[in-house]
PDB file of N, CA and C in Angstrom:
ATOM      1  N   MET A   1      94.672 -56.278 -81.804  1.00  0.00           N
ATOM      2  CA  MET A   1      95.322 -57.604 -81.750  1.00  0.00           C
ATOM      3  C   MET A   1      95.868 -57.955 -83.071  1.00  0.00           C
ATOM      4  N   ARG A   2      97.111 -58.336 -83.126  1.00  0.00           N
ATOM      5  CA  ARG A   2      97.763 -58.690 -84.386  1.00  0.00           C
ATOM      6  C   ARG A   2      97.233 -60.056 -84.863  1.00  0.00           C
ATOM      7  N   ASN A   3      97.255 -60.280 -86.121  1.00  0.00           N
ATOM      8  CA  ASN A   3      96.726 -61.540 -86.706  1.00  0.00           C
ATOM      9  C   ASN A   3      97.427 -62.747 -86.199  1.00  0.00           C
ATOM     10  N   ILE A   4      98.748 -62.671 -86.010  1.00  0.00           N
ATOM     11  CA  ILE A   4      99.517 -63.808 -85.507  1.00  0.00           C
ATOM     12  C   ILE A   4      99.059 -64.162 -84.056  1.00  0.00           C
ATOM     13  N   ASP A   5      98.835 -63.167 -83.225  1.00  0.00           N
ATOM     14  CA  ASP A   5      98.401 -63.384 -81.860  1.00  0.00           C
ATOM     15  C   ASP A   5      97.032 -64.006 -81.861  1.00  0.00           C
ATOM     16  N   ALA A   6      96.108 -63.505 -82.726  1.00  0.00           N
ATOM     17  CA  ALA A   6      94.755 -64.050 -82.783  1.00  0.00           C
ATOM     18  C   ALA A   6      94.789 -65.510 -83.267  1.00  0.00           C
ATOM     19  N   THR A   7      95.604 -65.844 -84.255  1.00  0.00           N
ATOM     20  CA  THR A   7      95.694 -67.180 -84.731  1.00  0.00           C
ATOM     21  C   THR A   7      96.184 -68.121 -83.647  1.00  0.00           C
ATOM     22  N   ASP A   8      97.161 -67.708 -82.862  1.00  0.00           N
ATOM     23  CA  ASP A   8      97.664 -68.558 -81.817  1.00  0.00           C
ATOM     24  C   ASP A   8      96.576 -68.742 -80.734  1.00  0.00           C
ATOM     25  N   LEU A   9      95.895 -67.686 -80.362  1.00  0.00           N
ATOM     26  CA  LEU A   9      94.821 -67.784 -79.372  1.00  0.00           C
ATOM     27  C   LEU A   9      93.745 -68.754 -79.848  1.00  0.00           C
ATOM     28  N   ILE A  10      93.362 -68.602 -81.112  1.00  0.00           N
ATOM     29  CA  ILE A  10      92.324 -69.465 -81.676  1.00  0.00           C
ATOM     30  C   ILE A  10      92.802 -70.938 -81.651  1.00  0.00           C
ATOM     31  N   ARG A  11      94.025 -71.150 -82.070  1.00  0.00           N
ATOM     32  CA  ARG A  11      94.578 -72.517 -82.086  1.00  0.00           C
ATOM     33  C   ARG A  11      94.561 -73.135 -80.681  1.00  0.00           C
ATOM     34  N   ARG A  12      94.989 -72.369 -79.667  1.00  0.00           N
ATOM     35  CA  ARG A  12      94.989 -72.886 -78.296  1.00  0.00           C
ATOM     36  C   ARG A  12      93.549 -73.171 -77.824  1.00  0.00           C
ATOM     37  N   ARG A  13      92.616 -72.299 -78.085  1.00  0.00           N
ATOM     38  CA  ARG A  13      91.242 -72.451 -77.651  1.00  0.00           C
ATOM     39  C   ARG A  13      90.609 -73.669 -78.358  1.00  0.00           C
ATOM     40  N   ALA A  14      90.854 -73.804 -79.636  1.00  0.00           N
ATOM     41  CA  ALA A  14      90.324 -74.939 -80.441  1.00  0.00           C
ATOM     42  C   ALA A  14      90.860 -76.243 -79.842  1.00  0.00           C
ATOM     43  N   TYR A  15      92.095 -76.282 -79.427  1.00  0.00           N
ATOM     44  CA  TYR A  15      92.688 -77.449 -78.803  1.00  0.00           C
ATOM     45  C   TYR A  15      91.975 -77.788 -77.471  1.00  0.00           C
ATOM     46  N   GLN A  16      91.720 -76.753 -76.692  1.00  0.00           N
ATOM     47  CA  GLN A  16      91.010 -76.938 -75.413  1.00  0.00           C
ATOM     48  C   GLN A  16      89.596 -77.502 -75.623  1.00  0.00           C
ATOM     49  N   ILE A  17      88.896 -76.972 -76.644  1.00  0.00           N
ATOM     50  CA  ILE A  17      87.595 -77.471 -76.944  1.00  0.00           C
ATOM     51  C   ILE A  17      87.678 -78.939 -77.380  1.00  0.00           C
ATOM     52  N   TRP A  18      88.634 -79.266 -78.219  1.00  0.00           N
ATOM     53  CA  TRP A  18      88.832 -80.636 -78.696  1.00  0.00           C
ATOM     54  C   TRP A  18      89.066 -81.559 -77.509  1.00  0.00           C
ATOM     55  N   GLU A  19      89.919 -81.156 -76.590  1.00  0.00           N
ATOM     56  CA  GLU A  19      90.201 -81.964 -75.439  1.00  0.00           C
ATOM     57  C   GLU A  19      88.969 -82.204 -74.557  1.00  0.00           C
ATOM     58  N   CYS A  20      88.182 -81.143 -74.366  1.00  0.00           N
ATOM     59  CA  CYS A  20      86.986 -81.237 -73.534  1.00  0.00           C
ATOM     60  C   CYS A  20      85.938 -82.163 -74.131  1.00  0.00           C
ATOM     61  N   GLU A  21      85.939 -82.309 -75.435  1.00  0.00           N
ATOM     62  CA  GLU A  21      84.972 -83.145 -76.100  1.00  0.00           C
ATOM     63  C   GLU A  21      85.362 -84.611 -76.144  1.00  0.00           C
ATOM     64  N   GLY A  22      86.527 -84.897 -75.697  1.00  0.00           N
ATOM     65  CA  GLY A  22      86.884 -86.252 -75.513  1.00  0.00           C
ATOM     66  C   GLY A  22      87.965 -86.992 -76.200  1.00  0.00           C
ATOM     67  N   PRO A  23      88.813 -86.618 -76.931  1.00  0.00           N
ATOM     68  CA  PRO A  23      88.935 -85.780 -78.082  1.00  0.00           C
ATOM     69  C   PRO A  23      88.423 -86.502 -79.340  1.00  0.00           C
ATOM     70  N   PRO A  24      87.406 -86.003 -79.973  1.00  0.00           N
ATOM     71  CA  PRO A  24      86.824 -86.668 -81.145  1.00  0.00           C
ATOM     72  C   PRO A  24      87.649 -86.418 -82.400  1.00  0.00           C
ATOM     73  N   HIS A  25      87.466 -87.334 -83.343  1.00  0.00           N
ATOM     74  CA  HIS A  25      88.140 -87.256 -84.629  1.00  0.00           C
ATOM     75  C   HIS A  25      87.208 -86.586 -85.673  1.00  0.00           C
ATOM     76  N   GLY A  26      87.760 -85.684 -86.483  1.00  0.00           N
ATOM     77  CA  GLY A  26      87.008 -85.162 -87.584  1.00  0.00           C
ATOM     78  C   GLY A  26      86.168 -83.880 -87.291  1.00  0.00           C
ATOM     79  N   ARG A  27      86.326 -83.289 -86.124  1.00  0.00           N
ATOM     80  CA  ARG A  27      85.554 -82.129 -85.791  1.00  0.00           C
ATOM     81  C   ARG A  27      86.439 -80.881 -85.688  1.00  0.00           C
ATOM     82  N   HIS A  28      87.604 -80.896 -86.274  1.00  0.00           N
ATOM     83  CA  HIS A  28      88.586 -79.777 -86.119  1.00  0.00           C
ATOM     84  C   HIS A  28      88.051 -78.506 -86.701  1.00  0.00           C
ATOM     85  N   VAL A  29      87.293 -78.549 -87.766  1.00  0.00           N
ATOM     86  CA  VAL A  29      86.743 -77.338 -88.338  1.00  0.00           C
ATOM     87  C   VAL A  29      85.717 -76.700 -87.393  1.00  0.00           C
ATOM     88  N   VAL A  30      84.886 -77.514 -86.767  1.00  0.00           N
ATOM     89  CA  VAL A  30      83.889 -77.021 -85.816  1.00  0.00           C
ATOM     90  C   VAL A  30      84.596 -76.376 -84.634  1.00  0.00           C
ATOM     91  N   HIS A  31      85.629 -77.052 -84.123  1.00  0.00           N
ATOM     92  CA  HIS A  31      86.371 -76.528 -82.990  1.00  0.00           C
ATOM     93  C   HIS A  31      87.043 -75.184 -83.326  1.00  0.00           C
ATOM     94  N   TRP A  32      87.624 -75.125 -84.499  1.00  0.00           N
ATOM     95  CA  TRP A  32      88.269 -73.893 -84.955  1.00  0.00           C
ATOM     96  C   TRP A  32      87.296 -72.732 -85.031  1.00  0.00           C
ATOM     97  N   LEU A  33      86.172 -72.993 -85.667  1.00  0.00           N
ATOM     98  CA  LEU A  33      85.162 -71.922 -85.853  1.00  0.00           C
ATOM     99  C   LEU A  33      84.582 -71.468 -84.522  1.00  0.00           C
ATOM    100  N   LEU A  34      84.356 -72.371 -83.596  1.00  0.00           N
ATOM    101  CA  LEU A  34      83.862 -72.043 -82.290  1.00  0.00           C
ATOM    102  C   LEU A  34      84.895 -71.208 -81.550  1.00  0.00           C
ATOM    103  N   ALA A  35      86.130 -71.653 -81.567  1.00  0.00           N
ATOM    104  CA  ALA A  35      87.202 -70.917 -80.897  1.00  0.00           C
ATOM    105  C   ALA A  35      87.374 -69.505 -81.520  1.00  0.00           C
ATOM    106  N   GLU A  36      87.341 -69.433 -82.851  1.00  0.00           N
ATOM    107  CA  GLU A  36      87.490 -68.156 -83.585  1.00  0.00           C
ATOM    108  C   GLU A  36      86.349 -67.211 -83.150  1.00  0.00           C
ATOM    109  N   SER A  37      85.151 -67.727 -83.061  1.00  0.00           N
ATOM    110  CA  SER A  37      84.010 -66.914 -82.661  1.00  0.00           C
ATOM    111  C   SER A  37      84.195 -66.364 -81.233  1.00  0.00           C
ATOM    112  N   GLU A  38      84.671 -67.243 -80.293  1.00  0.00           N
ATOM    113  CA  GLU A  38      84.886 -66.814 -78.920  1.00  0.00           C
ATOM    114  C   GLU A  38      85.976 -65.737 -78.825  1.00  0.00           C
ATOM    115  N   ILE A  39      87.063 -65.972 -79.527  1.00  0.00           N
ATOM    116  CA  ILE A  39      88.199 -65.026 -79.490  1.00  0.00           C
ATOM    117  C   ILE A  39      87.824 -63.672 -80.057  1.00  0.00           C
ATOM    118  N   ARG A  40      87.134 -63.727 -81.212  1.00  0.00           N
ATOM    119  CA  ARG A  40      86.670 -62.441 -81.887  1.00  0.00           C
ATOM    120  C   ARG A  40      85.724 -61.690 -80.950  1.00  0.00           C
ATOM    121  N   GLU A  41      84.798 -62.412 -80.295  1.00  0.00           N
ATOM    122  CA  GLU A  41      83.891 -61.758 -79.382  1.00  0.00           C
ATOM    123  C   GLU A  41      84.611 -61.105 -78.220  1.00  0.00           C
ATOM    124  N   LEU A  42      85.542 -61.826 -77.608  1.00  0.00           N
ATOM    125  CA  LEU A  42      86.312 -61.270 -76.535  1.00  0.00           C
ATOM    126  C   LEU A  42      87.116 -60.075 -76.980  1.00  0.00           C
ATOM    127  N   SER A  43      87.656 -60.104 -78.163  1.00  0.00           N
ATOM    128  CA  SER A  43      88.422 -59.024 -78.736  1.00  0.00           C
ATOM    129  C   SER A  43      87.552 -57.782 -78.899  1.00  0.00           C
ATOM    130  N   ASN A  44      86.319 -58.008 -79.399  1.00  0.00           N
ATOM    131  CA  ASN A  44      85.419 -56.858 -79.576  1.00  0.00           C
ATOM    132  C   ASN A  44      85.006 -56.258 -78.228  1.00  0.00           C
ATOM    133  N   ILE A  45      84.812 -57.058 -77.239  1.00  0.00           N
ATOM    134  CA  ILE A  45      84.478 -56.581 -75.913  1.00  0.00           C
ATOM    135  C   ILE A  45      85.566 -55.758 -75.329  1.00  0.00           C
ATOM    136  N   ALA A  46      86.832 -56.264 -75.533  1.00  0.00           N
ATOM    137  CA  ALA A  46      87.963 -55.584 -74.991  1.00  0.00           C
ATOM    138  C   ALA A  46      88.230 -54.216 -75.678  1.00  0.00           C
ATOM    139  N   GLN A  47      87.754 -54.090 -76.911  1.00  0.00           N
ATOM    140  CA  GLN A  47      88.011 -52.848 -77.657  1.00  0.00           C
ATOM    141  C   GLN A  47      86.897 -51.790 -77.442  1.00  0.00           C
ATOM    142  N   GLU A  48      85.829 -52.149 -76.751  1.00  0.00           N
ATOM    143  CA  GLU A  48      84.763 -51.153 -76.509  1.00  0.00           C
ATOM    144  C   GLU A  48      85.287 -50.089 -75.594  1.00  0.00           C
ATOM    145  N   PRO A  49      85.078 -48.824 -75.938  1.00  0.00           N
ATOM    146  CA  PRO A  49      85.561 -47.748 -75.085  1.00  0.00           C
ATOM    147  C   PRO A  49      84.802 -47.685 -73.783  1.00  0.00           C
ATOM    148  N   VAL A  50      85.497 -47.442 -72.692  1.00  0.00           N
ATOM    149  CA  VAL A  50      84.920 -47.268 -71.403  1.00  0.00           C
ATOM    150  C   VAL A  50      84.902 -45.800 -71.107  1.00  0.00           C
ATOM    151  N   PRO A  51      83.699 -45.243 -70.875  1.00  0.00           N
ATOM    152  CA  PRO A  51      83.638 -43.802 -70.582  1.00  0.00           C
ATOM    153  C   PRO A  51      84.386 -43.463 -69.290  1.00  0.00           C
ATOM    154  N   PRO A  52      85.151 -42.391 -69.299  1.00  0.00           N
ATOM    155  CA  PRO A  52      85.864 -41.996 -68.112  1.00  0.00           C
ATOM    156  C   PRO A  52      84.946 -41.486 -67.008  1.00  0.00           C
ATOM    157  N   VAL A  53      85.264 -41.701 -65.770  1.00  0.00           N
ATOM    158  CA  VAL A  53      84.510 -41.225 -64.667  1.00  0.00           C
ATOM    159  C   VAL A  53      85.240 -40.004 -64.146  1.00  0.00           C
ATOM    160  N   LYS A  54      84.527 -38.899 -64.092  1.00  0.00           N
ATOM    161  CA  LYS A  54      85.122 -37.662 -63.554  1.00  0.00           C
ATOM    162  C   LYS A  54      85.349 -37.762 -62.069  1.00  0.00           C
ATOM    163  N   ARG A  55      86.376 -37.124 -61.620  1.00  0.00           N
ATOM    164  CA  ARG A  55      86.675 -37.125 -60.167  1.00  0.00           C
ATOM    165  C   ARG A  55      85.528 -36.528 -59.390  1.00  0.00           C
ATOM    166  N   GLY A  56      85.112 -37.200 -58.394  1.00  0.00           N
ATOM    167  CA  GLY A  56      84.014 -36.694 -57.564  1.00  0.00           C
ATOM    168  C   GLY A  56      82.607 -37.069 -58.117  1.00  0.00           C
ATOM    169  N   GLU A  57      82.594 -37.632 -59.283  1.00  0.00           N
ATOM    170  CA  GLU A  57      81.281 -37.979 -59.856  1.00  0.00           C
ATOM    171  C   GLU A  57      80.868 -39.356 -59.346  1.00  0.00           C
ATOM    172  N   LYS A  58      79.597 -39.480 -58.909  1.00  0.00           N
ATOM    173  CA  LYS A  58      79.089 -40.751 -58.422  1.00  0.00           C
ATOM    174  C   LYS A  58      78.768 -41.624 -59.609  1.00  0.00           C
ATOM    175  N   THR A  59      79.091 -42.906 -59.490  1.00  0.00           N
ATOM    176  CA  THR A  59      78.736 -43.837 -60.517  1.00  0.00           C
ATOM    177  C   THR A  59      77.423 -44.431 -60.186  1.00  0.00           C
ATOM    178  N   THR A  60      76.611 -44.642 -61.195  1.00  0.00           N
ATOM    179  CA  THR A  60      75.306 -45.237 -60.953  1.00  0.00           C
ATOM    180  C   THR A  60      75.401 -46.745 -61.316  1.00  0.00           C
ATOM    181  N   ARG A  61      74.822 -47.515 -60.436  1.00  0.00           N
ATOM    182  CA  ARG A  61      74.849 -48.954 -60.625  1.00  0.00           C
ATOM    183  C   ARG A  61      73.413 -49.421 -60.835  1.00  0.00           C
ATOM    184  N   LYS A  62      73.174 -50.048 -61.947  1.00  0.00           N
ATOM    185  CA  LYS A  62      71.818 -50.589 -62.162  1.00  0.00           C
ATOM    186  C   LYS A  62      71.657 -51.886 -61.389  1.00  0.00           C
ATOM    187  N   THR A  63      70.564 -51.905 -60.658  1.00  0.00           N
ATOM    188  CA  THR A  63      70.244 -53.128 -59.920  1.00  0.00           C
ATOM    189  C   THR A  63      68.876 -53.686 -60.322  1.00  0.00           C
ATOM    190  N   ALA A  64      68.709 -54.931 -60.154  1.00  0.00           N
ATOM    191  CA  ALA A  64      67.441 -55.543 -60.532  1.00  0.00           C
ATOM    192  C   ALA A  64      66.394 -55.076 -59.548  1.00  0.00           C
ATOM    193  N   PRO A  65      65.191 -54.898 -60.037  1.00  0.00           N
ATOM    194  CA  PRO A  65      64.099 -54.459 -59.160  1.00  0.00           C
ATOM    195  C   PRO A  65      63.787 -55.527 -58.137  1.00  0.00           C
ATOM    196  N   ALA A  66      63.400 -55.101 -56.942  1.00  0.00           N
ATOM    197  CA  ALA A  66      63.148 -56.044 -55.869  1.00  0.00           C
ATOM    198  C   ALA A  66      61.861 -56.831 -56.204  1.00  0.00           C
ATOM    199  N   SER A  67      61.830 -58.057 -55.787  1.00  0.00           N
ATOM    200  CA  SER A  67      60.672 -58.860 -56.106  1.00  0.00           C
ATOM    201  C   SER A  67      59.473 -58.312 -55.381  1.00  0.00           C
ATOM    202  N   LYS A  68      58.282 -58.612 -55.884  1.00  0.00           N
ATOM    203  CA  LYS A  68      57.059 -58.055 -55.284  1.00  0.00           C
ATOM    204  C   LYS A  68      56.876 -58.544 -53.837  1.00  0.00           C
ATOM    205  N   SER A  69      57.204 -59.825 -53.587  1.00  0.00           N
ATOM    206  CA  SER A  69      57.007 -60.357 -52.256  1.00  0.00           C
ATOM    207  C   SER A  69      58.010 -59.656 -51.271  1.00  0.00           C
ATOM    208  N   ALA A  70      59.195 -59.356 -51.723  1.00  0.00           N
ATOM    209  CA  ALA A  70      60.152 -58.723 -50.880  1.00  0.00           C
ATOM    210  C   ALA A  70      59.704 -57.273 -50.542  1.00  0.00           C
ATOM    211  N   SER A  71      59.199 -56.602 -51.561  1.00  0.00           N
ATOM    212  CA  SER A  71      58.784 -55.209 -51.311  1.00  0.00           C
ATOM    213  C   SER A  71      57.528 -55.177 -50.407  1.00  0.00           C
ATOM    214  N   LYS A  72      56.630 -56.156 -50.541  1.00  0.00           N
ATOM    215  CA  LYS A  72      55.443 -56.212 -49.712  1.00  0.00           C
ATOM    216  C   LYS A  72      55.795 -56.472 -48.251  1.00  0.00           C
ATOM    217  N   SER A  73      56.723 -57.437 -48.077  1.00  0.00           N
ATOM    218  CA  SER A  73      57.138 -57.766 -46.689  1.00  0.00           C
ATOM    219  C   SER A  73      57.817 -56.577 -46.031  1.00  0.00           C
ATOM    220  N   SER A  74      58.594 -55.802 -46.777  1.00  0.00           N
ATOM    221  CA  SER A  74      59.249 -54.651 -46.184  1.00  0.00           C
ATOM    222  C   SER A  74      58.250 -53.547 -45.816  1.00  0.00           C
ATOM    223  N   ARG A  75      57.192 -53.431 -46.613  1.00  0.00           N
ATOM    224  CA  ARG A  75      56.139 -52.480 -46.305  1.00  0.00           C
ATOM    225  C   ARG A  75      55.422 -52.886 -45.031  1.00  0.00           C
ATOM    226  N   ARG A  76      55.166 -54.161 -44.886  1.00  0.00           N
ATOM    227  CA  ARG A  76      54.436 -54.667 -43.707  1.00  0.00           C
ATOM    228  C   ARG A  76      55.272 -54.393 -42.458  1.00  0.00           C
ATOM    229  N   GLN A  77      56.574 -54.627 -42.554  1.00  0.00           N
ATOM    230  CA  GLN A  77      57.426 -54.433 -41.408  1.00  0.00           C
ATOM    231  C   GLN A  77      57.503 -52.967 -40.993  1.00  0.00           C
ATOM    232  N   THR A  78      57.547 -52.065 -41.922  1.00  0.00           N
ATOM    233  CA  THR A  78      57.664 -50.674 -41.643  1.00  0.00           C
ATOM    234  C   THR A  78      56.309 -50.131 -41.087  1.00  0.00           C
ATOM    235  N   SER A  79      55.196 -50.706 -41.569  1.00  0.00           N
ATOM    236  CA  SER A  79      53.919 -50.186 -41.046  1.00  0.00           C
ATOM    237  C   SER A  79      53.648 -50.659 -39.619  1.00  0.00           C
ATOM    238  N   ARG A  80      54.214 -51.760 -39.203  1.00  0.00           N
ATOM    239  CA  ARG A  80      54.017 -52.256 -37.827  1.00  0.00           C
ATOM    240  C   ARG A  80      54.817 -51.427 -36.831  1.00  0.00           C
ATOM    241  N   ALA A  81      55.924 -50.937 -37.262  1.00  0.00           N
ATOM    242  CA  ALA A  81      56.835 -50.219 -36.346  1.00  0.00           C
ATOM    243  C   ALA A  81      56.317 -48.940 -35.861  1.00  0.00           C
TER     244      ALA A  81
END
């Protein structure tokens, strides 16, 4: 991201933050720093390399473990059948 582009994005985001707050007087530095932090974080996320997926390779998806009550109820249902 070029510096000019980043400055413009930060300016626009700072203005959005200012408007959302009502627009208060004297908090422009806070809005700028918050916007700058958000834009820099998004820029870093966008620059992280994504590993390529080989053709025919299955992708693994991490899922949250099932809750204990859900796993118990499924065990009960299968044992009755």
